[in-house]
Amino acid sequence: MSVYTLPELPYDYSALAPVISPEIIELHHDKHHAAYVKGANDTLEQLAEARDKETWGSINGLEKNLAFHLSGHILHSIYWHNMTGDGGGEPLAADGVGDLADAIAESFGSFAGFRAQLTKAAATTQGSGWGVLAYEPLSGRLIVEQVYDHQGNVGQGATPILVFDAWEHAFYLQYRNQKVDFIDAMWAVVNWQDVARRYEAAKSRTNTLLLAP
């Protein structure tokens, strides 16, 4: 029985056009995201077999595969809900997301500074990766992380609340090799209501990062 399942999209394939074409959404969700779900489930089965047989020769590769596929599944599951055809702009108190707006200003100086940093982080990933806005529980502030592949180069314990997929499969059919153009366009579909909900949920998880007994 599968542990992980592919979530349904919260909109139809054409909902984010013209920023992201229906063809990309379909391929990205139904093929790429589905592959990460399958990969995570397959790796769990392989780890169970290794335990049963006490054959640990492939443990390094299996643990790396689990981190890769599971992180891909988690980030994509956030990604779909981070976007909406009615999104864009910036978070404002008038829209009910004032706490998020204040946290961005406090952590980055201004929304413009935050947008520039996340844009650069996503657009300059070497090879495949993500730009991520995360809540960091030790400091209680927001940080931007540049994620290589799906799981590398992140601070332990931070909770992703807004993710920009900078893998080529997320944009190449439409934007070709112009990754920065895709990242710039992404700001027009950000679902700030979803990001604000994730921010509030992350803040509410107190005492989850224990640095000392």
N, C-alpha and C. Protein backbone atom coordinates (compact mmCIF):
# COMPACT_ATOMS: atom_id res chain seq x y z
N MET A 1 0.85 -1.19 0.00
CA MET A 1 0.00 0.00 0.00
C MET A 1 0.88 1.24 0.00
N SER A 2 0.60 2.18 -0.91
CA SER A 2 1.42 3.37 -1.05
C SER A 2 1.27 4.27 0.18
N VAL A 3 2.40 4.81 0.63
CA VAL A 3 2.40 5.75 1.74
C VAL A 3 2.05 7.15 1.25
N TYR A 4 2.59 7.51 0.09
CA TYR A 4 2.39 8.85 -0.47
C TYR A 4 1.51 8.77 -1.71
N THR A 5 0.66 9.78 -1.90
CA THR A 5 -0.22 9.82 -3.05
C THR A 5 -0.11 11.18 -3.73
N LEU A 6 -0.37 11.19 -5.02
CA LEU A 6 -0.33 12.43 -5.80
C LEU A 6 -1.56 13.27 -5.49
N PRO A 7 -1.40 14.49 -4.98
CA PRO A 7 -2.57 15.32 -4.70
C PRO A 7 -3.19 15.84 -5.98
N GLU A 8 -4.48 16.07 -5.96
CA GLU A 8 -5.15 16.67 -7.11
C GLU A 8 -4.80 18.15 -7.19
N LEU A 9 -4.79 18.67 -8.41
CA LEU A 9 -4.59 20.10 -8.59
C LEU A 9 -5.79 20.87 -8.03
N PRO A 10 -5.56 22.04 -7.44
CA PRO A 10 -6.67 22.83 -6.92
C PRO A 10 -7.36 23.68 -8.00
N TYR A 11 -7.01 23.46 -9.26
CA TYR A 11 -7.58 24.21 -10.39
C TYR A 11 -7.37 23.37 -11.64
N ASP A 12 -7.93 23.81 -12.76
CA ASP A 12 -7.74 23.06 -13.99
C ASP A 12 -6.43 23.47 -14.66
N TYR A 13 -6.06 22.75 -15.71
CA TYR A 13 -4.77 22.96 -16.34
C TYR A 13 -4.58 24.37 -16.90
N SER A 14 -5.65 25.01 -17.27
CA SER A 14 -5.55 26.33 -17.91
C SER A 14 -5.65 27.49 -16.93
N ALA A 15 -5.77 27.21 -15.65
CA ALA A 15 -6.07 28.26 -14.67
C ALA A 15 -4.97 29.29 -14.52
N LEU A 16 -3.72 28.93 -14.81
CA LEU A 16 -2.61 29.85 -14.60
C LEU A 16 -2.10 30.48 -15.89
N ALA A 17 -2.77 30.23 -16.99
CA ALA A 17 -2.40 30.84 -18.27
C ALA A 17 -2.70 32.34 -18.20
N PRO A 18 -1.91 33.18 -18.88
CA PRO A 18 -0.79 32.85 -19.77
C PRO A 18 0.55 32.69 -19.06
N VAL A 19 0.60 32.85 -17.72
CA VAL A 19 1.88 32.75 -17.02
C VAL A 19 2.47 31.36 -17.18
N ILE A 20 1.66 30.33 -16.98
CA ILE A 20 2.09 28.95 -17.18
C ILE A 20 1.06 28.27 -18.07
N SER A 21 1.50 27.68 -19.15
CA SER A 21 0.59 27.10 -20.13
C SER A 21 -0.07 25.83 -19.60
N PRO A 22 -1.26 25.49 -20.11
CA PRO A 22 -1.91 24.24 -19.70
C PRO A 22 -1.05 23.01 -19.93
N GLU A 23 -0.30 22.98 -21.04
CA GLU A 23 0.54 21.82 -21.36
C GLU A 23 1.60 21.61 -20.28
N ILE A 24 2.21 22.70 -19.81
CA ILE A 24 3.22 22.58 -18.77
C ILE A 24 2.61 22.08 -17.47
N ILE A 25 1.46 22.65 -17.09
CA ILE A 25 0.82 22.22 -15.84
C ILE A 25 0.49 20.74 -15.89
N GLU A 26 -0.04 20.27 -17.00
CA GLU A 26 -0.41 18.86 -17.12
C GLU A 26 0.82 17.95 -17.02
N LEU A 27 1.85 18.26 -17.78
CA LEU A 27 3.06 17.44 -17.75
C LEU A 27 3.75 17.50 -16.39
N HIS A 28 3.80 18.70 -15.84
CA HIS A 28 4.51 18.92 -14.58
C HIS A 28 3.83 18.14 -13.45
N HIS A 29 2.52 18.24 -13.37
CA HIS A 29 1.80 17.56 -12.29
C HIS A 29 1.66 16.07 -12.56
N ASP A 30 1.12 15.72 -13.72
CA ASP A 30 0.75 14.32 -13.99
C ASP A 30 1.94 13.41 -14.25
N LYS A 31 3.04 13.98 -14.72
CA LYS A 31 4.22 13.16 -15.02
C LYS A 31 5.34 13.37 -13.99
N HIS A 32 5.82 14.61 -13.86
CA HIS A 32 6.98 14.86 -13.00
C HIS A 32 6.65 14.67 -11.52
N HIS A 33 5.60 15.34 -11.05
CA HIS A 33 5.25 15.18 -9.64
C HIS A 33 4.87 13.73 -9.34
N ALA A 34 4.14 13.12 -10.24
CA ALA A 34 3.78 11.72 -10.04
C ALA A 34 5.01 10.82 -9.92
N ALA A 35 6.06 11.15 -10.65
CA ALA A 35 7.29 10.35 -10.60
C ALA A 35 7.96 10.46 -9.23
N TYR A 36 7.89 11.64 -8.61
CA TYR A 36 8.48 11.78 -7.28
C TYR A 36 7.68 10.98 -6.25
N VAL A 37 6.37 10.97 -6.38
CA VAL A 37 5.54 10.18 -5.47
C VAL A 37 5.88 8.70 -5.61
N LYS A 38 5.95 8.22 -6.84
CA LYS A 38 6.30 6.82 -7.08
C LYS A 38 7.70 6.51 -6.56
N GLY A 39 8.63 7.43 -6.80
CA GLY A 39 10.00 7.21 -6.35
C GLY A 39 10.10 7.10 -4.84
N ALA A 40 9.35 7.94 -4.11
CA ALA A 40 9.37 7.87 -2.65
C ALA A 40 8.80 6.54 -2.17
N ASN A 41 7.66 6.14 -2.74
CA ASN A 41 7.05 4.87 -2.34
C ASN A 41 7.94 3.68 -2.68
N ASP A 42 8.53 3.68 -3.86
CA ASP A 42 9.42 2.58 -4.26
C ASP A 42 10.62 2.49 -3.32
N THR A 43 11.18 3.65 -2.94
CA THR A 43 12.36 3.65 -2.08
C THR A 43 12.02 3.12 -0.69
N LEU A 44 10.83 3.47 -0.18
CA LEU A 44 10.42 2.92 1.12
C LEU A 44 10.33 1.39 1.06
N GLU A 45 9.82 0.86 -0.06
CA GLU A 45 9.75 -0.59 -0.21
C GLU A 45 11.15 -1.21 -0.25
N GLN A 46 12.06 -0.56 -0.94
CA GLN A 46 13.43 -1.06 -1.05
C GLN A 46 14.15 -1.01 0.31
N LEU A 47 13.86 0.02 1.10
CA LEU A 47 14.44 0.10 2.44
C LEU A 47 13.88 -0.99 3.35
N ALA A 48 12.59 -1.27 3.21
CA ALA A 48 11.98 -2.35 3.99
C ALA A 48 12.62 -3.70 3.63
N GLU A 49 12.86 -3.90 2.35
CA GLU A 49 13.50 -5.14 1.90
C GLU A 49 14.92 -5.24 2.45
N ALA A 50 15.64 -4.11 2.46
CA ALA A 50 17.01 -4.11 2.99
C ALA A 50 17.01 -4.46 4.48
N ARG A 51 16.03 -3.96 5.21
CA ARG A 51 15.94 -4.29 6.64
C ARG A 51 15.65 -5.78 6.85
N ASP A 52 14.70 -6.28 6.06
CA ASP A 52 14.32 -7.69 6.20
C ASP A 52 15.49 -8.63 5.91
N LYS A 53 16.25 -8.30 4.87
CA LYS A 53 17.34 -9.17 4.44
C LYS A 53 18.68 -8.79 5.06
N GLU A 54 18.68 -7.65 5.77
CA GLU A 54 19.91 -7.12 6.36
C GLU A 54 21.00 -6.98 5.30
N THR A 55 20.59 -6.43 4.16
CA THR A 55 21.52 -6.14 3.07
C THR A 55 21.66 -4.62 2.97
N TRP A 56 22.76 -4.11 3.50
CA TRP A 56 22.91 -2.67 3.64
C TRP A 56 23.89 -2.06 2.63
N GLY A 57 24.25 -2.80 1.61
CA GLY A 57 25.22 -2.28 0.65
C GLY A 57 24.73 -1.06 -0.11
N SER A 58 23.41 -0.92 -0.25
CA SER A 58 22.87 0.20 -1.03
C SER A 58 22.26 1.28 -0.15
N ILE A 59 22.55 1.28 1.15
CA ILE A 59 21.88 2.20 2.07
C ILE A 59 22.12 3.66 1.71
N ASN A 60 23.34 4.02 1.32
CA ASN A 60 23.62 5.42 0.99
C ASN A 60 22.76 5.90 -0.17
N GLY A 61 22.69 5.10 -1.20
CA GLY A 61 21.89 5.48 -2.36
C GLY A 61 20.41 5.53 -2.06
N LEU A 62 19.92 4.59 -1.26
CA LEU A 62 18.50 4.56 -0.92
C LEU A 62 18.11 5.77 -0.07
N GLU A 63 18.94 6.13 0.90
CA GLU A 63 18.62 7.29 1.73
C GLU A 63 18.63 8.57 0.90
N LYS A 64 19.57 8.67 -0.03
CA LYS A 64 19.61 9.84 -0.91
C LYS A 64 18.37 9.88 -1.81
N ASN A 65 17.98 8.72 -2.33
CA ASN A 65 16.79 8.66 -3.17
C ASN A 65 15.54 9.06 -2.41
N LEU A 66 15.43 8.61 -1.16
CA LEU A 66 14.25 8.95 -0.37
C LEU A 66 14.19 10.46 -0.13
N ALA A 67 15.31 11.07 0.22
CA ALA A 67 15.34 12.52 0.43
C ALA A 67 14.97 13.26 -0.84
N PHE A 68 15.50 12.80 -1.98
CA PHE A 68 15.24 13.46 -3.26
C PHE A 68 13.76 13.39 -3.63
N HIS A 69 13.20 12.20 -3.63
CA HIS A 69 11.82 12.02 -4.08
C HIS A 69 10.81 12.58 -3.08
N LEU A 70 11.06 12.38 -1.79
CA LEU A 70 10.12 12.89 -0.79
C LEU A 70 10.12 14.41 -0.77
N SER A 71 11.29 15.03 -0.85
CA SER A 71 11.36 16.49 -0.89
C SER A 71 10.72 17.03 -2.16
N GLY A 72 10.90 16.33 -3.28
CA GLY A 72 10.23 16.75 -4.51
C GLY A 72 8.73 16.70 -4.37
N HIS A 73 8.23 15.67 -3.74
CA HIS A 73 6.78 15.54 -3.50
C HIS A 73 6.27 16.67 -2.60
N ILE A 74 6.98 16.94 -1.52
CA ILE A 74 6.55 17.97 -0.58
C ILE A 74 6.56 19.35 -1.23
N LEU A 75 7.65 19.70 -1.90
CA LEU A 75 7.75 21.03 -2.50
C LEU A 75 6.71 21.23 -3.60
N HIS A 76 6.47 20.21 -4.40
CA HIS A 76 5.45 20.36 -5.44
C HIS A 76 4.06 20.47 -4.84
N SER A 77 3.80 19.77 -3.75
CA SER A 77 2.49 19.84 -3.12
C SER A 77 2.21 21.25 -2.59
N ILE A 78 3.27 21.95 -2.13
CA ILE A 78 3.13 23.35 -1.74
C ILE A 78 2.98 24.23 -2.97
N TYR A 79 3.79 23.96 -3.98
CA TYR A 79 3.85 24.78 -5.20
C TYR A 79 2.48 24.97 -5.84
N TRP A 80 1.73 23.89 -6.00
CA TRP A 80 0.43 24.01 -6.68
C TRP A 80 -0.50 24.96 -5.94
N HIS A 81 -0.50 24.92 -4.61
CA HIS A 81 -1.40 25.76 -3.83
C HIS A 81 -0.87 27.18 -3.65
N ASN A 82 0.42 27.37 -3.88
CA ASN A 82 1.01 28.70 -3.80
C ASN A 82 0.60 29.59 -4.96
N MET A 83 -0.09 29.02 -5.96
CA MET A 83 -0.43 29.77 -7.17
C MET A 83 -1.94 29.82 -7.37
N THR A 84 -2.40 30.90 -7.97
CA THR A 84 -3.79 31.05 -8.34
C THR A 84 -3.89 32.02 -9.51
N GLY A 85 -4.89 31.82 -10.36
CA GLY A 85 -5.09 32.73 -11.48
C GLY A 85 -5.52 34.10 -11.05
N ASP A 86 -5.97 34.24 -9.81
CA ASP A 86 -6.42 35.54 -9.28
C ASP A 86 -5.38 36.15 -8.34
N GLY A 87 -4.13 35.71 -8.43
CA GLY A 87 -3.12 36.14 -7.49
C GLY A 87 -2.29 37.31 -7.98
N GLY A 88 -1.10 37.41 -7.42
CA GLY A 88 -0.17 38.45 -7.82
C GLY A 88 -0.16 39.64 -6.89
N GLY A 89 0.56 40.67 -7.29
CA GLY A 89 0.68 41.86 -6.47
C GLY A 89 1.57 41.58 -5.27
N GLU A 90 1.23 42.19 -4.15
CA GLU A 90 1.96 41.94 -2.92
C GLU A 90 0.98 41.79 -1.77
N PRO A 91 1.38 41.13 -0.69
CA PRO A 91 0.46 40.93 0.43
C PRO A 91 0.16 42.27 1.12
N LEU A 92 -1.13 42.52 1.38
CA LEU A 92 -1.57 43.78 1.97
C LEU A 92 -2.52 43.51 3.12
N ALA A 93 -2.49 44.40 4.12
CA ALA A 93 -3.41 44.26 5.24
C ALA A 93 -4.86 44.32 4.77
N ALA A 94 -5.13 45.10 3.75
CA ALA A 94 -6.49 45.22 3.23
C ALA A 94 -7.03 43.92 2.70
N ASP A 95 -6.15 43.00 2.33
CA ASP A 95 -6.55 41.69 1.82
C ASP A 95 -6.55 40.62 2.91
N GLY A 96 -6.34 41.02 4.14
CA GLY A 96 -6.36 40.07 5.25
C GLY A 96 -5.06 39.33 5.48
N VAL A 97 -3.98 39.80 4.89
CA VAL A 97 -2.69 39.12 5.05
C VAL A 97 -1.66 40.10 5.60
N GLY A 98 -2.10 40.96 6.50
CA GLY A 98 -1.22 41.98 7.05
C GLY A 98 -0.08 41.43 7.88
N ASP A 99 -0.32 40.34 8.62
CA ASP A 99 0.74 39.75 9.44
C ASP A 99 1.89 39.25 8.57
N LEU A 100 1.55 38.63 7.44
CA LEU A 100 2.58 38.18 6.51
C LEU A 100 3.34 39.36 5.93
N ALA A 101 2.60 40.41 5.55
CA ALA A 101 3.23 41.61 4.99
C ALA A 101 4.20 42.22 6.00
N ASP A 102 3.78 42.29 7.27
CA ASP A 102 4.65 42.85 8.31
C ASP A 102 5.89 41.98 8.51
N ALA A 103 5.72 40.66 8.47
CA ALA A 103 6.86 39.76 8.66
C ALA A 103 7.85 39.88 7.52
N ILE A 104 7.37 40.05 6.31
CA ILE A 104 8.26 40.23 5.16
C ILE A 104 9.04 41.53 5.31
N ALA A 105 8.35 42.60 5.69
CA ALA A 105 9.03 43.89 5.87
C ALA A 105 10.07 43.83 6.98
N GLU A 106 9.74 43.14 8.07
CA GLU A 106 10.67 43.03 9.19
C GLU A 106 11.88 42.19 8.83
N SER A 107 11.66 41.12 8.09
CA SER A 107 12.75 40.19 7.78
C SER A 107 13.63 40.65 6.63
N PHE A 108 13.06 41.40 5.70
CA PHE A 108 13.81 41.76 4.48
C PHE A 108 13.91 43.27 4.25
N GLY A 109 13.32 44.07 5.12
CA GLY A 109 13.39 45.52 4.96
C GLY A 109 12.24 46.10 4.18
N SER A 110 11.79 45.36 3.17
CA SER A 110 10.67 45.81 2.34
C SER A 110 10.22 44.65 1.46
N PHE A 111 9.02 44.77 0.90
CA PHE A 111 8.56 43.76 -0.04
C PHE A 111 9.46 43.74 -1.27
N ALA A 112 9.87 44.92 -1.74
CA ALA A 112 10.73 44.99 -2.92
C ALA A 112 12.05 44.26 -2.69
N GLY A 113 12.62 44.43 -1.49
CA GLY A 113 13.86 43.73 -1.17
C GLY A 113 13.67 42.23 -1.12
N PHE A 114 12.56 41.80 -0.53
CA PHE A 114 12.25 40.36 -0.49
C PHE A 114 12.06 39.81 -1.90
N ARG A 115 11.28 40.51 -2.72
CA ARG A 115 11.02 40.02 -4.07
C ARG A 115 12.32 39.89 -4.86
N ALA A 116 13.20 40.88 -4.73
CA ALA A 116 14.46 40.83 -5.46
C ALA A 116 15.31 39.64 -4.99
N GLN A 117 15.35 39.39 -3.68
CA GLN A 117 16.17 38.29 -3.17
C GLN A 117 15.63 36.94 -3.60
N LEU A 118 14.31 36.72 -3.47
CA LEU A 118 13.76 35.43 -3.87
C LEU A 118 13.87 35.22 -5.37
N THR A 119 13.68 36.27 -6.15
CA THR A 119 13.83 36.17 -7.60
C THR A 119 15.24 35.74 -7.97
N LYS A 120 16.23 36.39 -7.38
CA LYS A 120 17.62 36.06 -7.67
C LYS A 120 17.97 34.65 -7.20
N ALA A 121 17.47 34.27 -6.02
CA ALA A 121 17.76 32.94 -5.49
C ALA A 121 17.22 31.86 -6.42
N ALA A 122 15.99 32.06 -6.91
CA ALA A 122 15.39 31.07 -7.80
C ALA A 122 16.05 31.06 -9.17
N ALA A 123 16.34 32.24 -9.69
CA ALA A 123 16.84 32.35 -11.06
C ALA A 123 18.29 31.93 -11.20
N THR A 124 19.06 31.94 -10.11
CA THR A 124 20.49 31.63 -10.21
C THR A 124 20.85 30.28 -9.62
N THR A 125 19.87 29.43 -9.36
CA THR A 125 20.19 28.07 -8.93
C THR A 125 21.04 27.40 -10.00
N GLN A 126 22.09 26.73 -9.58
CA GLN A 126 22.96 26.04 -10.53
C GLN A 126 22.30 24.74 -10.94
N GLY A 127 21.93 24.63 -12.20
CA GLY A 127 21.24 23.43 -12.66
C GLY A 127 19.79 23.47 -12.22
N SER A 128 19.37 22.47 -11.45
CA SER A 128 17.97 22.33 -11.06
C SER A 128 17.79 22.72 -9.60
N GLY A 129 16.68 23.36 -9.29
CA GLY A 129 16.45 23.74 -7.90
C GLY A 129 15.24 24.62 -7.72
N TRP A 130 15.17 25.25 -6.56
CA TRP A 130 14.03 26.06 -6.14
C TRP A 130 14.50 27.31 -5.42
N GLY A 131 13.66 28.35 -5.48
CA GLY A 131 13.77 29.47 -4.57
C GLY A 131 12.66 29.33 -3.54
N VAL A 132 12.97 29.47 -2.26
CA VAL A 132 12.00 29.17 -1.20
C VAL A 132 11.97 30.28 -0.16
N LEU A 133 10.77 30.72 0.18
CA LEU A 133 10.55 31.56 1.36
C LEU A 133 10.14 30.62 2.49
N ALA A 134 10.88 30.66 3.60
CA ALA A 134 10.63 29.72 4.69
C ALA A 134 10.57 30.45 6.03
N TYR A 135 9.79 29.89 6.94
CA TYR A 135 9.75 30.37 8.31
C TYR A 135 10.81 29.62 9.11
N GLU A 136 11.71 30.38 9.73
CA GLU A 136 12.82 29.78 10.48
C GLU A 136 12.49 29.87 11.97
N PRO A 137 12.19 28.74 12.64
CA PRO A 137 11.63 28.79 13.99
C PRO A 137 12.61 29.23 15.07
N LEU A 138 13.90 29.07 14.88
CA LEU A 138 14.86 29.44 15.91
C LEU A 138 14.89 30.95 16.11
N SER A 139 14.83 31.70 15.00
CA SER A 139 14.85 33.16 15.07
C SER A 139 13.45 33.76 15.01
N GLY A 140 12.47 32.97 14.56
CA GLY A 140 11.12 33.48 14.41
C GLY A 140 10.98 34.46 13.26
N ARG A 141 11.85 34.34 12.26
CA ARG A 141 11.82 35.25 11.12
C ARG A 141 11.70 34.46 9.82
N LEU A 142 11.46 35.19 8.76
CA LEU A 142 11.41 34.59 7.43
C LEU A 142 12.79 34.64 6.79
N ILE A 143 13.13 33.60 6.05
CA ILE A 143 14.39 33.56 5.32
C ILE A 143 14.13 33.06 3.90
N VAL A 144 15.02 33.40 3.00
CA VAL A 144 15.01 32.86 1.65
C VAL A 144 16.07 31.79 1.55
N GLU A 145 15.70 30.65 1.00
CA GLU A 145 16.64 29.56 0.80
C GLU A 145 16.74 29.25 -0.69
N GLN A 146 17.93 28.87 -1.11
CA GLN A 146 18.18 28.44 -2.49
C GLN A 146 18.39 26.94 -2.45
N VAL A 147 17.43 26.20 -2.98
CA VAL A 147 17.43 24.75 -2.83
C VAL A 147 17.96 24.10 -4.11
N TYR A 148 19.04 23.33 -3.97
CA TYR A 148 19.55 22.57 -5.10
C TYR A 148 18.83 21.23 -5.19
N ASP A 149 18.51 20.81 -6.43
CA ASP A 149 17.64 19.65 -6.63
C ASP A 149 16.35 19.91 -5.85
N HIS A 150 16.04 19.07 -4.87
CA HIS A 150 14.86 19.31 -4.04
C HIS A 150 15.21 19.48 -2.57
N GLN A 151 16.40 19.05 -2.18
CA GLN A 151 16.65 18.91 -0.75
C GLN A 151 17.97 19.49 -0.25
N GLY A 152 18.85 19.92 -1.11
CA GLY A 152 20.16 20.39 -0.67
C GLY A 152 20.20 21.87 -0.36
N ASN A 153 21.14 22.28 0.51
CA ASN A 153 21.43 23.67 0.81
C ASN A 153 20.31 24.37 1.57
N VAL A 154 19.74 23.70 2.56
CA VAL A 154 18.67 24.30 3.36
C VAL A 154 19.04 24.25 4.85
N GLY A 155 18.50 25.20 5.59
CA GLY A 155 18.67 25.19 7.03
C GLY A 155 17.74 24.17 7.67
N GLN A 156 18.21 23.44 8.64
CA GLN A 156 17.39 22.40 9.27
C GLN A 156 16.27 23.04 10.10
N GLY A 157 15.06 22.57 9.93
CA GLY A 157 13.95 23.00 10.75
C GLY A 157 13.10 24.09 10.14
N ALA A 158 13.55 24.76 9.09
CA ALA A 158 12.77 25.82 8.47
C ALA A 158 11.59 25.22 7.69
N THR A 159 10.45 25.93 7.70
CA THR A 159 9.24 25.44 7.04
C THR A 159 8.98 26.24 5.76
N PRO A 160 8.97 25.61 4.58
CA PRO A 160 8.68 26.34 3.34
C PRO A 160 7.24 26.85 3.33
N ILE A 161 7.06 28.12 2.94
CA ILE A 161 5.70 28.65 2.82
C ILE A 161 5.42 29.20 1.42
N LEU A 162 6.46 29.51 0.66
CA LEU A 162 6.31 29.94 -0.73
C LEU A 162 7.46 29.38 -1.52
N VAL A 163 7.17 28.64 -2.60
CA VAL A 163 8.22 27.99 -3.37
C VAL A 163 8.09 28.33 -4.85
N PHE A 164 9.22 28.64 -5.46
CA PHE A 164 9.31 28.88 -6.91
C PHE A 164 10.11 27.73 -7.53
N ASP A 165 9.49 26.97 -8.39
CA ASP A 165 10.17 25.85 -9.04
C ASP A 165 11.03 26.37 -10.18
N ALA A 166 12.33 26.14 -10.09
CA ALA A 166 13.25 26.61 -11.12
C ALA A 166 13.88 25.46 -11.91
N TRP A 167 13.27 24.26 -11.83
CA TRP A 167 13.69 23.17 -12.70
C TRP A 167 13.23 23.47 -14.13
N GLU A 168 13.98 23.00 -15.11
CA GLU A 168 13.62 23.29 -16.50
C GLU A 168 12.25 22.75 -16.88
N HIS A 169 11.84 21.62 -16.28
CA HIS A 169 10.53 21.07 -16.67
C HIS A 169 9.38 21.99 -16.25
N ALA A 170 9.65 22.96 -15.36
CA ALA A 170 8.61 23.87 -14.92
C ALA A 170 8.34 24.98 -15.91
N PHE A 171 9.28 25.21 -16.86
CA PHE A 171 9.12 26.39 -17.72
C PHE A 171 9.62 26.23 -19.14
N TYR A 172 10.43 25.21 -19.45
CA TYR A 172 11.19 25.23 -20.70
C TYR A 172 10.30 25.23 -21.95
N LEU A 173 9.19 24.50 -21.95
CA LEU A 173 8.33 24.46 -23.12
C LEU A 173 7.80 25.84 -23.51
N GLN A 174 7.69 26.71 -22.53
CA GLN A 174 7.11 28.03 -22.77
C GLN A 174 8.16 29.15 -22.77
N TYR A 175 9.13 29.08 -21.88
CA TYR A 175 10.10 30.16 -21.73
C TYR A 175 11.48 29.81 -22.27
N ARG A 176 11.63 28.61 -22.81
CA ARG A 176 12.90 28.12 -23.32
C ARG A 176 13.96 28.23 -22.23
N ASN A 177 15.09 28.85 -22.51
CA ASN A 177 16.17 28.90 -21.52
C ASN A 177 16.16 30.19 -20.70
N GLN A 178 15.06 30.93 -20.76
CA GLN A 178 14.97 32.20 -20.05
C GLN A 178 14.35 32.00 -18.67
N LYS A 179 15.12 31.37 -17.78
CA LYS A 179 14.62 31.08 -16.44
C LYS A 179 14.19 32.34 -15.71
N VAL A 180 14.96 33.40 -15.83
CA VAL A 180 14.64 34.63 -15.10
C VAL A 180 13.30 35.22 -15.55
N ASP A 181 12.96 35.07 -16.84
CA ASP A 181 11.67 35.57 -17.33
C ASP A 181 10.52 34.79 -16.69
N PHE A 182 10.71 33.49 -16.52
CA PHE A 182 9.70 32.67 -15.87
C PHE A 182 9.53 33.08 -14.41
N ILE A 183 10.63 33.27 -13.70
CA ILE A 183 10.54 33.65 -12.29
C ILE A 183 9.87 35.02 -12.15
N ASP A 184 10.21 35.95 -13.00
CA ASP A 184 9.55 37.27 -12.97
C ASP A 184 8.05 37.13 -13.20
N ALA A 185 7.66 36.26 -14.13
CA ALA A 185 6.24 36.08 -14.44
C ALA A 185 5.49 35.41 -13.29
N MET A 186 6.19 34.57 -12.52
CA MET A 186 5.56 33.84 -11.43
C MET A 186 4.91 34.76 -10.40
N TRP A 187 5.45 35.94 -10.23
CA TRP A 187 4.91 36.85 -9.22
C TRP A 187 3.47 37.24 -9.51
N ALA A 188 3.03 37.08 -10.75
CA ALA A 188 1.65 37.45 -11.12
C ALA A 188 0.63 36.42 -10.69
N VAL A 189 1.08 35.24 -10.24
CA VAL A 189 0.13 34.19 -9.84
C VAL A 189 0.33 33.73 -8.40
N VAL A 190 1.12 34.45 -7.61
CA VAL A 190 1.32 34.05 -6.21
C VAL A 190 0.00 34.17 -5.45
N ASN A 191 -0.33 33.12 -4.72
CA ASN A 191 -1.54 33.08 -3.90
C ASN A 191 -1.17 33.50 -2.48
N TRP A 192 -1.27 34.80 -2.19
CA TRP A 192 -0.84 35.30 -0.89
C TRP A 192 -1.72 34.78 0.25
N GLN A 193 -2.96 34.46 -0.05
CA GLN A 193 -3.82 33.89 0.99
C GLN A 193 -3.26 32.54 1.46
N ASP A 194 -2.81 31.74 0.51
CA ASP A 194 -2.23 30.44 0.85
C ASP A 194 -0.92 30.61 1.61
N VAL A 195 -0.07 31.55 1.14
CA VAL A 195 1.21 31.79 1.81
C VAL A 195 0.98 32.26 3.25
N ALA A 196 -0.01 33.14 3.43
CA ALA A 196 -0.30 33.65 4.78
C ALA A 196 -0.79 32.54 5.70
N ARG A 197 -1.61 31.64 5.19
CA ARG A 197 -2.06 30.51 6.00
C ARG A 197 -0.89 29.62 6.42
N ARG A 198 0.01 29.40 5.50
CA ARG A 198 1.18 28.57 5.82
C ARG A 198 2.08 29.27 6.84
N TYR A 199 2.20 30.59 6.73
CA TYR A 199 2.99 31.35 7.69
C TYR A 199 2.41 31.23 9.09
N GLU A 200 1.09 31.41 9.21
CA GLU A 200 0.45 31.32 10.52
C GLU A 200 0.58 29.91 11.10
N ALA A 201 0.43 28.90 10.25
CA ALA A 201 0.56 27.52 10.72
C ALA A 201 1.99 27.24 11.19
N ALA A 202 2.97 27.73 10.45
CA ALA A 202 4.37 27.51 10.83
C ALA A 202 4.68 28.18 12.16
N LYS A 203 4.18 29.40 12.36
CA LYS A 203 4.42 30.11 13.62
C LYS A 203 3.81 29.39 14.81
N SER A 204 2.69 28.71 14.59
CA SER A 204 1.96 28.08 15.68
C SER A 204 2.63 26.80 16.19
N ARG A 205 3.58 26.28 15.43
CA ARG A 205 4.25 25.04 15.83
C ARG A 205 5.41 25.36 16.77
N THR A 206 5.09 25.63 18.02
CA THR A 206 6.12 26.01 18.99
C THR A 206 6.83 24.77 19.52
N ASN A 207 8.08 25.00 19.97
CA ASN A 207 8.87 23.94 20.62
C ASN A 207 9.10 22.73 19.70
N THR A 208 9.18 22.98 18.39
CA THR A 208 9.42 21.86 17.47
C THR A 208 10.90 21.69 17.16
N LEU A 209 11.71 22.68 17.51
CA LEU A 209 13.14 22.60 17.22
C LEU A 209 13.89 22.69 18.55
N LEU A 210 14.30 21.55 19.08
CA LEU A 210 14.95 21.51 20.37
C LEU A 210 16.47 21.50 20.19
N LEU A 211 17.11 22.57 20.65
CA LEU A 211 18.56 22.67 20.51
C LEU A 211 19.27 22.15 21.74
N ALA A 212 18.57 22.01 22.85
CA ALA A 212 19.18 21.52 24.09
C ALA A 212 18.12 20.80 24.89
N PRO A 213 18.50 19.86 25.74
CA PRO A 213 17.52 19.12 26.54
C PRO A 213 16.84 20.02 27.57
